[in-house]
Amino acid sequence: MQKRMGEAVAQVARKVNETVENRTDSLDLANCKLMTFPVGIYKAMRSVTEGIHHISLANNELKSLTSRFVITFSQLRELNLAGNYLHRLPEDITSLLHLQAINLSRNRFRRFPEPLAAVTTLETIDLEENEIAEVPAEKLATMASLRTLNLRANPIGPKVRLLVRPLVPFDLLLSPEEPDSKA
């Protein structure tokens, strides 16, 4: 167990060092078994955080995202948080003034993360395979930059579908409706 943890820590350190040394615009910490975003990364990356535009934390074990993360990586354009245990986002997500795409698929959201509706630059939101039953159609309709909202594999009912479709000026991806099982 300790050996595996040590390997995971070494993997994260290698990826962070690679990003800092090469001054790339992305940080890929996908599949690193992270339960939280390591505090040490903030210090290790302080000289390059303004240049980070893409972060992948996909397929980890994150239960939350902190305000510090959002404030530190304020220049993000893409954020991939797919395959975690998230059920809400910090209100500070609204301060990501350049965010164009966010992937929150395969998480534990029960409702649409409403702070996203205030991110005016968002073009793509992926919430596939969550537990979302309702969406704030009126708020979504005001998102001028939004091009695609993926809500496939969510338990969205027929009433919500009827309300949402005429209001949204973007591609709304939903799973096909299952026929009523009336025997």
N, C-alpha and C. Protein backbone atom coordinates (compact mmCIF):
# COMPACT_ATOMS: atom_id res chain seq x y z
N MET A 1 0.83 -1.20 0.00
CA MET A 1 0.00 0.00 0.00
C MET A 1 0.87 1.25 0.00
N GLN A 2 1.86 1.31 0.91
CA GLN A 2 2.73 2.50 0.97
C GLN A 2 3.53 2.65 -0.30
N LYS A 3 3.94 1.51 -0.88
CA LYS A 3 4.71 1.56 -2.12
C LYS A 3 3.88 2.19 -3.24
N ARG A 4 2.58 1.78 -3.33
CA ARG A 4 1.70 2.34 -4.35
C ARG A 4 1.48 3.83 -4.14
N MET A 5 1.32 4.24 -2.87
CA MET A 5 1.15 5.66 -2.57
C MET A 5 2.40 6.44 -2.95
N GLY A 6 3.54 5.88 -2.65
CA GLY A 6 4.80 6.52 -3.00
C GLY A 6 4.95 6.69 -4.50
N GLU A 7 4.53 5.66 -5.25
CA GLU A 7 4.59 5.74 -6.71
C GLU A 7 3.65 6.81 -7.24
N ALA A 8 2.47 6.92 -6.62
CA ALA A 8 1.50 7.94 -7.04
C ALA A 8 2.05 9.34 -6.79
N VAL A 9 2.66 9.55 -5.62
CA VAL A 9 3.25 10.85 -5.29
C VAL A 9 4.38 11.18 -6.26
N ALA A 10 5.21 10.19 -6.56
CA ALA A 10 6.32 10.41 -7.50
C ALA A 10 5.79 10.76 -8.89
N GLN A 11 4.70 10.11 -9.29
CA GLN A 11 4.10 10.40 -10.60
C GLN A 11 3.60 11.85 -10.66
N VAL A 12 2.92 12.30 -9.60
CA VAL A 12 2.43 13.68 -9.55
C VAL A 12 3.61 14.65 -9.59
N ALA A 13 4.63 14.38 -8.80
CA ALA A 13 5.81 15.26 -8.77
C ALA A 13 6.46 15.35 -10.15
N ARG A 14 6.59 14.22 -10.84
CA ARG A 14 7.18 14.22 -12.18
C ARG A 14 6.37 15.09 -13.13
N LYS A 15 5.05 14.92 -13.09
CA LYS A 15 4.19 15.68 -14.01
C LYS A 15 4.23 17.18 -13.72
N VAL A 16 4.25 17.54 -12.44
CA VAL A 16 4.32 18.95 -12.06
C VAL A 16 5.66 19.53 -12.50
N ASN A 17 6.75 18.81 -12.22
CA ASN A 17 8.08 19.29 -12.62
C ASN A 17 8.20 19.45 -14.13
N GLU A 18 7.63 18.51 -14.86
CA GLU A 18 7.63 18.58 -16.32
C GLU A 18 6.95 19.87 -16.80
N THR A 19 5.80 20.16 -16.23
CA THR A 19 5.05 21.36 -16.61
C THR A 19 5.85 22.62 -16.28
N VAL A 20 6.45 22.67 -15.09
CA VAL A 20 7.20 23.85 -14.67
C VAL A 20 8.46 24.03 -15.52
N GLU A 21 9.21 22.95 -15.70
CA GLU A 21 10.47 23.04 -16.46
C GLU A 21 10.23 23.39 -17.92
N ASN A 22 9.23 22.80 -18.52
CA ASN A 22 8.96 23.04 -19.94
C ASN A 22 8.06 24.25 -20.18
N ARG A 23 7.57 24.84 -19.08
CA ARG A 23 6.68 25.99 -19.16
C ARG A 23 5.53 25.75 -20.14
N THR A 24 4.96 24.55 -20.07
CA THR A 24 3.82 24.24 -20.94
C THR A 24 2.57 24.89 -20.37
N ASP A 25 1.53 24.94 -21.17
CA ASP A 25 0.29 25.59 -20.73
C ASP A 25 -0.70 24.59 -20.16
N SER A 26 -0.26 23.34 -19.95
CA SER A 26 -1.19 22.36 -19.41
C SER A 26 -0.56 21.52 -18.31
N LEU A 27 -1.43 21.07 -17.42
CA LEU A 27 -1.03 20.19 -16.32
C LEU A 27 -1.96 18.99 -16.36
N ASP A 28 -1.38 17.81 -16.55
CA ASP A 28 -2.17 16.59 -16.64
C ASP A 28 -1.91 15.73 -15.41
N LEU A 29 -2.86 15.73 -14.50
CA LEU A 29 -2.77 14.89 -13.30
C LEU A 29 -3.91 13.86 -13.30
N ALA A 30 -4.28 13.43 -14.49
CA ALA A 30 -5.31 12.40 -14.61
C ALA A 30 -4.76 11.07 -14.11
N ASN A 31 -5.63 10.26 -13.55
CA ASN A 31 -5.27 8.90 -13.12
C ASN A 31 -4.14 8.86 -12.10
N CYS A 32 -4.12 9.80 -11.18
CA CYS A 32 -3.06 9.86 -10.16
C CYS A 32 -3.54 9.46 -8.76
N LYS A 33 -4.75 8.96 -8.66
CA LYS A 33 -5.33 8.53 -7.37
C LYS A 33 -5.43 9.67 -6.35
N LEU A 34 -5.60 10.91 -6.82
CA LEU A 34 -5.68 12.06 -5.92
C LEU A 34 -7.03 12.11 -5.22
N MET A 35 -6.99 12.30 -3.90
CA MET A 35 -8.22 12.49 -3.13
C MET A 35 -8.48 13.98 -2.92
N THR A 36 -7.42 14.76 -2.95
CA THR A 36 -7.49 16.22 -2.88
C THR A 36 -6.40 16.75 -3.80
N PHE A 37 -6.50 18.02 -4.13
CA PHE A 37 -5.44 18.64 -4.93
C PHE A 37 -4.29 18.94 -3.97
N PRO A 38 -3.10 18.38 -4.20
CA PRO A 38 -1.99 18.54 -3.25
C PRO A 38 -1.57 19.99 -3.06
N VAL A 39 -1.54 20.44 -1.80
CA VAL A 39 -1.20 21.81 -1.45
C VAL A 39 0.20 22.17 -1.95
N GLY A 40 1.12 21.23 -1.91
CA GLY A 40 2.49 21.48 -2.35
C GLY A 40 2.60 21.91 -3.80
N ILE A 41 1.61 21.56 -4.61
CA ILE A 41 1.64 21.93 -6.03
C ILE A 41 1.52 23.43 -6.19
N TYR A 42 0.77 24.08 -5.32
CA TYR A 42 0.63 25.54 -5.41
C TYR A 42 1.99 26.21 -5.32
N LYS A 43 2.81 25.76 -4.39
CA LYS A 43 4.15 26.34 -4.22
C LYS A 43 5.06 25.97 -5.38
N ALA A 44 5.01 24.70 -5.77
CA ALA A 44 5.89 24.23 -6.85
C ALA A 44 5.60 24.92 -8.18
N MET A 45 4.35 25.35 -8.37
CA MET A 45 3.96 25.91 -9.66
C MET A 45 3.76 27.42 -9.64
N ARG A 46 4.05 28.07 -8.52
CA ARG A 46 3.69 29.49 -8.41
C ARG A 46 4.27 30.36 -9.52
N SER A 47 5.40 29.97 -10.09
CA SER A 47 6.00 30.79 -11.14
C SER A 47 5.32 30.61 -12.50
N VAL A 48 4.49 29.58 -12.65
CA VAL A 48 3.89 29.31 -13.96
C VAL A 48 2.36 29.26 -13.96
N THR A 49 1.72 29.48 -12.81
CA THR A 49 0.26 29.31 -12.75
C THR A 49 -0.49 30.20 -13.74
N GLU A 50 0.01 31.40 -13.96
CA GLU A 50 -0.66 32.31 -14.90
C GLU A 50 -0.66 31.77 -16.33
N GLY A 51 0.30 30.90 -16.64
CA GLY A 51 0.40 30.35 -17.99
C GLY A 51 -0.32 29.03 -18.18
N ILE A 52 -0.94 28.51 -17.13
CA ILE A 52 -1.64 27.23 -17.23
C ILE A 52 -3.06 27.47 -17.75
N HIS A 53 -3.35 26.88 -18.92
CA HIS A 53 -4.65 27.07 -19.55
C HIS A 53 -5.49 25.79 -19.57
N HIS A 54 -4.85 24.65 -19.38
CA HIS A 54 -5.55 23.36 -19.44
C HIS A 54 -5.12 22.51 -18.26
N ILE A 55 -6.09 22.01 -17.50
CA ILE A 55 -5.77 21.09 -16.40
C ILE A 55 -6.69 19.89 -16.51
N SER A 56 -6.09 18.71 -16.39
CA SER A 56 -6.88 17.48 -16.32
C SER A 56 -6.63 16.82 -14.97
N LEU A 57 -7.71 16.66 -14.25
CA LEU A 57 -7.70 15.92 -12.98
C LEU A 57 -8.67 14.74 -13.11
N ALA A 58 -8.82 14.26 -14.33
CA ALA A 58 -9.78 13.19 -14.61
C ALA A 58 -9.38 11.88 -13.94
N ASN A 59 -10.39 11.12 -13.61
CA ASN A 59 -10.20 9.76 -13.08
C ASN A 59 -9.33 9.72 -11.84
N ASN A 60 -9.65 10.57 -10.90
CA ASN A 60 -9.02 10.56 -9.59
C ASN A 60 -10.11 10.22 -8.57
N GLU A 61 -9.93 10.64 -7.35
CA GLU A 61 -10.92 10.38 -6.30
C GLU A 61 -11.29 11.67 -5.59
N LEU A 62 -11.32 12.77 -6.34
CA LEU A 62 -11.61 14.08 -5.77
C LEU A 62 -13.07 14.19 -5.34
N LYS A 63 -13.27 14.68 -4.12
CA LYS A 63 -14.63 14.89 -3.62
C LYS A 63 -15.02 16.36 -3.67
N SER A 64 -14.01 17.23 -3.75
CA SER A 64 -14.31 18.66 -3.84
C SER A 64 -13.16 19.38 -4.52
N LEU A 65 -13.47 20.58 -4.95
CA LEU A 65 -12.49 21.48 -5.54
C LEU A 65 -12.50 22.71 -4.66
N THR A 66 -11.33 23.22 -4.32
CA THR A 66 -11.28 24.35 -3.39
C THR A 66 -11.26 25.69 -4.12
N SER A 67 -11.62 26.72 -3.38
CA SER A 67 -11.53 28.08 -3.91
C SER A 67 -10.09 28.41 -4.26
N ARG A 68 -9.16 27.92 -3.45
CA ARG A 68 -7.75 28.21 -3.71
C ARG A 68 -7.33 27.69 -5.08
N PHE A 69 -7.80 26.51 -5.46
CA PHE A 69 -7.49 25.95 -6.77
C PHE A 69 -7.97 26.90 -7.87
N VAL A 70 -9.22 27.33 -7.76
CA VAL A 70 -9.83 28.19 -8.78
C VAL A 70 -9.10 29.53 -8.86
N ILE A 71 -8.78 30.11 -7.73
CA ILE A 71 -8.11 31.41 -7.70
C ILE A 71 -6.67 31.30 -8.22
N THR A 72 -5.99 30.20 -7.87
CA THR A 72 -4.60 30.01 -8.31
C THR A 72 -4.50 29.83 -9.82
N PHE A 73 -5.40 29.05 -10.37
CA PHE A 73 -5.36 28.77 -11.81
C PHE A 73 -6.42 29.61 -12.53
N SER A 74 -6.32 30.90 -12.35
CA SER A 74 -7.34 31.84 -12.84
C SER A 74 -7.39 31.99 -14.36
N GLN A 75 -6.38 31.51 -15.05
CA GLN A 75 -6.33 31.67 -16.50
C GLN A 75 -6.81 30.42 -17.26
N LEU A 76 -7.42 29.49 -16.55
CA LEU A 76 -7.85 28.24 -17.18
C LEU A 76 -8.82 28.47 -18.33
N ARG A 77 -8.62 27.70 -19.39
CA ARG A 77 -9.55 27.69 -20.51
C ARG A 77 -10.30 26.36 -20.56
N GLU A 78 -9.61 25.28 -20.12
CA GLU A 78 -10.21 23.96 -20.10
C GLU A 78 -9.92 23.28 -18.77
N LEU A 79 -10.96 22.67 -18.21
CA LEU A 79 -10.81 21.96 -16.94
C LEU A 79 -11.52 20.62 -17.07
N ASN A 80 -10.76 19.54 -16.92
CA ASN A 80 -11.31 18.19 -17.04
C ASN A 80 -11.33 17.55 -15.65
N LEU A 81 -12.53 17.37 -15.12
CA LEU A 81 -12.72 16.77 -13.80
C LEU A 81 -13.54 15.48 -13.91
N ALA A 82 -13.57 14.89 -15.09
CA ALA A 82 -14.37 13.68 -15.31
C ALA A 82 -13.91 12.54 -14.42
N GLY A 83 -14.86 11.70 -14.02
CA GLY A 83 -14.50 10.49 -13.29
C GLY A 83 -14.02 10.70 -11.87
N ASN A 84 -14.64 11.63 -11.15
CA ASN A 84 -14.30 11.86 -9.75
C ASN A 84 -15.55 11.66 -8.90
N TYR A 85 -15.55 12.19 -7.68
CA TYR A 85 -16.70 12.06 -6.78
C TYR A 85 -17.29 13.43 -6.43
N LEU A 86 -17.18 14.37 -7.35
CA LEU A 86 -17.65 15.73 -7.10
C LEU A 86 -19.17 15.80 -7.10
N HIS A 87 -19.73 16.63 -6.22
CA HIS A 87 -21.18 16.83 -6.22
C HIS A 87 -21.53 18.31 -6.21
N ARG A 88 -20.51 19.17 -6.08
CA ARG A 88 -20.73 20.62 -6.18
C ARG A 88 -19.42 21.29 -6.56
N LEU A 89 -19.53 22.55 -6.97
CA LEU A 89 -18.36 23.35 -7.33
C LEU A 89 -18.31 24.57 -6.42
N PRO A 90 -17.12 25.11 -6.16
CA PRO A 90 -17.06 26.33 -5.35
C PRO A 90 -17.64 27.51 -6.12
N GLU A 91 -18.24 28.45 -5.39
CA GLU A 91 -18.80 29.65 -6.02
C GLU A 91 -17.74 30.41 -6.82
N ASP A 92 -16.48 30.30 -6.38
CA ASP A 92 -15.39 31.01 -7.05
C ASP A 92 -15.17 30.58 -8.49
N ILE A 93 -15.81 29.49 -8.91
CA ILE A 93 -15.66 29.04 -10.30
C ILE A 93 -16.08 30.17 -11.25
N THR A 94 -16.93 31.07 -10.76
CA THR A 94 -17.38 32.21 -11.57
C THR A 94 -16.25 33.18 -11.88
N SER A 95 -15.15 33.09 -11.14
CA SER A 95 -14.01 33.99 -11.39
C SER A 95 -13.10 33.49 -12.51
N LEU A 96 -13.40 32.33 -13.08
CA LEU A 96 -12.61 31.82 -14.21
C LEU A 96 -13.10 32.50 -15.49
N LEU A 97 -12.56 33.66 -15.75
CA LEU A 97 -13.05 34.52 -16.83
C LEU A 97 -12.67 34.07 -18.23
N HIS A 98 -11.84 33.01 -18.33
CA HIS A 98 -11.40 32.53 -19.64
C HIS A 98 -11.86 31.10 -19.91
N LEU A 99 -12.56 30.49 -18.94
CA LEU A 99 -12.96 29.09 -19.05
C LEU A 99 -13.93 28.87 -20.20
N GLN A 100 -13.53 27.99 -21.12
CA GLN A 100 -14.35 27.71 -22.30
C GLN A 100 -14.98 26.32 -22.25
N ALA A 101 -14.31 25.38 -21.58
CA ALA A 101 -14.82 24.00 -21.54
C ALA A 101 -14.58 23.39 -20.16
N ILE A 102 -15.61 22.72 -19.66
CA ILE A 102 -15.47 22.00 -18.39
C ILE A 102 -16.12 20.63 -18.55
N ASN A 103 -15.37 19.61 -18.15
CA ASN A 103 -15.87 18.24 -18.23
C ASN A 103 -16.09 17.74 -16.81
N LEU A 104 -17.35 17.54 -16.46
CA LEU A 104 -17.74 17.05 -15.14
C LEU A 104 -18.47 15.71 -15.27
N SER A 105 -18.24 15.01 -16.37
CA SER A 105 -18.92 13.74 -16.57
C SER A 105 -18.45 12.71 -15.55
N ARG A 106 -19.32 11.74 -15.32
CA ARG A 106 -19.03 10.64 -14.38
C ARG A 106 -18.63 11.13 -12.99
N ASN A 107 -19.45 12.03 -12.45
CA ASN A 107 -19.27 12.51 -11.08
C ASN A 107 -20.54 12.21 -10.31
N ARG A 108 -20.84 12.99 -9.29
CA ARG A 108 -22.01 12.72 -8.44
C ARG A 108 -22.93 13.93 -8.30
N PHE A 109 -23.01 14.73 -9.33
CA PHE A 109 -23.89 15.90 -9.28
C PHE A 109 -25.34 15.45 -9.31
N ARG A 110 -26.14 15.96 -8.38
CA ARG A 110 -27.58 15.67 -8.34
C ARG A 110 -28.36 16.82 -8.99
N ARG A 111 -27.72 17.98 -9.05
CA ARG A 111 -28.35 19.13 -9.71
C ARG A 111 -27.28 19.83 -10.55
N PHE A 112 -27.75 20.57 -11.51
CA PHE A 112 -26.84 21.33 -12.37
C PHE A 112 -26.03 22.29 -11.49
N PRO A 113 -24.70 22.31 -11.62
CA PRO A 113 -23.88 23.23 -10.81
C PRO A 113 -24.12 24.68 -11.26
N GLU A 114 -25.02 25.35 -10.56
CA GLU A 114 -25.48 26.68 -10.98
C GLU A 114 -24.40 27.75 -11.10
N PRO A 115 -23.30 27.69 -10.33
CA PRO A 115 -22.27 28.71 -10.55
C PRO A 115 -21.75 28.73 -12.00
N LEU A 116 -21.86 27.61 -12.71
CA LEU A 116 -21.41 27.58 -14.11
C LEU A 116 -22.23 28.53 -14.99
N ALA A 117 -23.47 28.75 -14.65
CA ALA A 117 -24.32 29.63 -15.45
C ALA A 117 -23.80 31.06 -15.46
N ALA A 118 -22.98 31.42 -14.49
CA ALA A 118 -22.41 32.77 -14.42
C ALA A 118 -21.05 32.88 -15.12
N VAL A 119 -20.54 31.79 -15.65
CA VAL A 119 -19.26 31.81 -16.37
C VAL A 119 -19.59 32.13 -17.83
N THR A 120 -19.46 33.39 -18.18
CA THR A 120 -19.93 33.87 -19.48
C THR A 120 -19.14 33.35 -20.68
N THR A 121 -17.93 32.85 -20.46
CA THR A 121 -17.09 32.38 -21.56
C THR A 121 -17.28 30.90 -21.88
N LEU A 122 -18.04 30.18 -21.06
CA LEU A 122 -18.21 28.73 -21.26
C LEU A 122 -18.88 28.41 -22.58
N GLU A 123 -18.24 27.54 -23.35
CA GLU A 123 -18.79 27.08 -24.63
C GLU A 123 -19.28 25.65 -24.54
N THR A 124 -18.62 24.84 -23.69
CA THR A 124 -18.95 23.42 -23.58
C THR A 124 -19.01 23.00 -22.12
N ILE A 125 -20.12 22.37 -21.75
CA ILE A 125 -20.26 21.79 -20.42
C ILE A 125 -20.65 20.34 -20.61
N ASP A 126 -19.85 19.44 -20.04
CA ASP A 126 -20.13 18.01 -20.13
C ASP A 126 -20.49 17.49 -18.74
N LEU A 127 -21.75 17.11 -18.58
CA LEU A 127 -22.25 16.56 -17.31
C LEU A 127 -22.82 15.15 -17.52
N GLU A 128 -22.32 14.47 -18.52
CA GLU A 128 -22.80 13.12 -18.81
C GLU A 128 -22.57 12.19 -17.62
N GLU A 129 -23.49 11.27 -17.41
CA GLU A 129 -23.40 10.26 -16.35
C GLU A 129 -23.27 10.86 -14.96
N ASN A 130 -24.22 11.70 -14.60
CA ASN A 130 -24.34 12.19 -13.23
C ASN A 130 -25.73 11.78 -12.75
N GLU A 131 -26.26 12.47 -11.78
CA GLU A 131 -27.59 12.13 -11.24
C GLU A 131 -28.52 13.33 -11.33
N ILE A 132 -28.35 14.13 -12.38
CA ILE A 132 -29.10 15.38 -12.53
C ILE A 132 -30.49 15.11 -13.08
N ALA A 133 -31.50 15.60 -12.35
CA ALA A 133 -32.89 15.40 -12.77
C ALA A 133 -33.51 16.69 -13.31
N GLU A 134 -33.00 17.85 -12.85
CA GLU A 134 -33.56 19.13 -13.29
C GLU A 134 -32.43 20.08 -13.66
N VAL A 135 -32.75 20.98 -14.59
CA VAL A 135 -31.78 21.98 -15.01
C VAL A 135 -32.42 23.36 -14.98
N PRO A 136 -31.63 24.38 -14.65
CA PRO A 136 -32.18 25.75 -14.61
C PRO A 136 -32.26 26.34 -16.02
N ALA A 137 -33.28 25.98 -16.76
CA ALA A 137 -33.41 26.35 -18.18
C ALA A 137 -33.29 27.85 -18.41
N GLU A 138 -33.91 28.66 -17.55
CA GLU A 138 -33.87 30.12 -17.73
C GLU A 138 -32.44 30.64 -17.62
N LYS A 139 -31.69 30.13 -16.66
CA LYS A 139 -30.30 30.57 -16.50
C LYS A 139 -29.45 30.10 -17.67
N LEU A 140 -29.67 28.88 -18.09
CA LEU A 140 -28.89 28.35 -19.21
C LEU A 140 -29.16 29.15 -20.49
N ALA A 141 -30.39 29.57 -20.67
CA ALA A 141 -30.76 30.32 -21.87
C ALA A 141 -30.03 31.65 -21.97
N THR A 142 -29.53 32.17 -20.85
CA THR A 142 -28.81 33.45 -20.86
C THR A 142 -27.31 33.28 -21.12
N MET A 143 -26.85 32.05 -21.23
CA MET A 143 -25.42 31.80 -21.45
C MET A 143 -25.09 31.98 -22.93
N ALA A 144 -24.69 33.19 -23.28
CA ALA A 144 -24.50 33.57 -24.69
C ALA A 144 -23.42 32.75 -25.41
N SER A 145 -22.36 32.35 -24.71
CA SER A 145 -21.27 31.63 -25.36
C SER A 145 -21.48 30.13 -25.44
N LEU A 146 -22.43 29.60 -24.67
CA LEU A 146 -22.61 28.15 -24.60
C LEU A 146 -23.03 27.57 -25.94
N ARG A 147 -22.28 26.56 -26.38
CA ARG A 147 -22.56 25.89 -27.66
C ARG A 147 -23.08 24.48 -27.43
N THR A 148 -22.56 23.79 -26.39
CA THR A 148 -22.94 22.40 -26.15
C THR A 148 -23.07 22.12 -24.66
N LEU A 149 -24.18 21.50 -24.30
CA LEU A 149 -24.40 21.02 -22.94
C LEU A 149 -24.75 19.55 -23.05
N ASN A 150 -23.87 18.70 -22.52
CA ASN A 150 -24.07 17.25 -22.58
C ASN A 150 -24.66 16.78 -21.26
N LEU A 151 -25.91 16.34 -21.32
CA LEU A 151 -26.60 15.81 -20.14
C LEU A 151 -27.01 14.35 -20.36
N ARG A 152 -26.33 13.66 -21.26
CA ARG A 152 -26.67 12.26 -21.52
C ARG A 152 -26.49 11.44 -20.24
N ALA A 153 -27.27 10.39 -20.13
CA ALA A 153 -27.19 9.45 -19.01
C ALA A 153 -27.44 10.12 -17.66
N ASN A 154 -28.38 11.04 -17.64
CA ASN A 154 -28.87 11.67 -16.41
C ASN A 154 -30.37 11.39 -16.34
N PRO A 155 -30.95 11.32 -15.15
CA PRO A 155 -32.38 11.01 -15.03
C PRO A 155 -33.30 12.21 -15.26
N ILE A 156 -33.13 12.86 -16.40
CA ILE A 156 -33.94 14.04 -16.72
C ILE A 156 -35.29 13.58 -17.25
N GLY A 157 -36.35 14.05 -16.60
CA GLY A 157 -37.70 13.61 -16.93
C GLY A 157 -38.28 14.31 -18.15
N PRO A 158 -39.38 13.79 -18.67
CA PRO A 158 -40.01 14.34 -19.87
C PRO A 158 -40.49 15.78 -19.71
N LYS A 159 -40.97 16.15 -18.53
CA LYS A 159 -41.43 17.53 -18.32
C LYS A 159 -40.28 18.51 -18.47
N VAL A 160 -39.13 18.17 -17.89
CA VAL A 160 -37.95 19.04 -17.99
C VAL A 160 -37.51 19.14 -19.44
N ARG A 161 -37.53 18.03 -20.16
CA ARG A 161 -37.15 18.02 -21.59
C ARG A 161 -38.01 18.98 -22.39
N LEU A 162 -39.30 18.96 -22.15
CA LEU A 162 -40.22 19.83 -22.89
C LEU A 162 -39.98 21.30 -22.58
N LEU A 163 -39.66 21.61 -21.33
CA LEU A 163 -39.40 23.00 -20.95
C LEU A 163 -38.08 23.51 -21.50
N VAL A 164 -37.06 22.67 -21.44
CA VAL A 164 -35.71 23.10 -21.78
C VAL A 164 -35.52 23.32 -23.28
N ARG A 165 -35.96 22.38 -24.09
CA ARG A 165 -35.69 22.43 -25.53
C ARG A 165 -35.97 23.78 -26.20
N PRO A 166 -37.16 24.39 -26.03
CA PRO A 166 -37.41 25.66 -26.73
C PRO A 166 -36.62 26.84 -26.17
N LEU A 167 -36.11 26.73 -24.96
CA LEU A 167 -35.43 27.86 -24.34
C LEU A 167 -33.95 27.95 -24.67
N VAL A 168 -33.33 26.84 -25.00
CA VAL A 168 -31.88 26.85 -25.13
C VAL A 168 -31.41 27.01 -26.57
N PRO A 169 -30.53 27.99 -26.79
CA PRO A 169 -30.04 28.26 -28.15
C PRO A 169 -28.74 27.51 -28.47
N PHE A 170 -28.49 26.38 -27.82
CA PHE A 170 -27.26 25.63 -28.03
C PHE A 170 -27.60 24.16 -28.19
N ASP A 171 -26.59 23.34 -28.51
CA ASP A 171 -26.80 21.90 -28.65
C ASP A 171 -26.98 21.28 -27.26
N LEU A 172 -28.14 20.71 -27.04
CA LEU A 172 -28.44 20.04 -25.78
C LEU A 172 -28.44 18.55 -26.06
N LEU A 173 -27.49 17.84 -25.48
CA LEU A 173 -27.37 16.41 -25.72
C LEU A 173 -28.01 15.65 -24.56
N LEU A 174 -29.06 14.89 -24.88
CA LEU A 174 -29.78 14.09 -23.89
C LEU A 174 -29.83 12.65 -24.37
N SER A 175 -29.93 11.73 -23.45
CA SER A 175 -30.15 10.32 -23.82
C SER A 175 -31.55 10.20 -24.37
N PRO A 176 -31.77 9.23 -25.24
CA PRO A 176 -33.14 9.04 -25.74
C PRO A 176 -34.08 8.74 -24.57
N GLU A 177 -35.30 9.22 -24.70
CA GLU A 177 -36.29 8.94 -23.65
C GLU A 177 -36.61 7.47 -23.64
N GLU A 178 -36.72 6.94 -22.44
CA GLU A 178 -37.12 5.55 -22.34
C GLU A 178 -38.64 5.51 -22.39
N PRO A 179 -39.21 4.59 -23.16
CA PRO A 179 -40.67 4.52 -23.23
C PRO A 179 -41.26 4.16 -21.87
N ASP A 180 -42.41 4.74 -21.59
CA ASP A 180 -43.09 4.40 -20.34
C ASP A 180 -43.36 2.92 -20.30
N SER A 181 -43.06 2.32 -19.17
CA SER A 181 -43.28 0.87 -19.05
C SER A 181 -44.66 0.61 -18.44
N LYS A 182 -45.69 0.81 -19.27
CA LYS A 182 -47.06 0.56 -18.82
C LYS A 182 -47.51 -0.78 -19.41
N ALA A 183 -47.73 -1.73 -18.55
CA ALA A 183 -48.08 -3.06 -19.03
C ALA A 183 -49.58 -3.24 -19.10
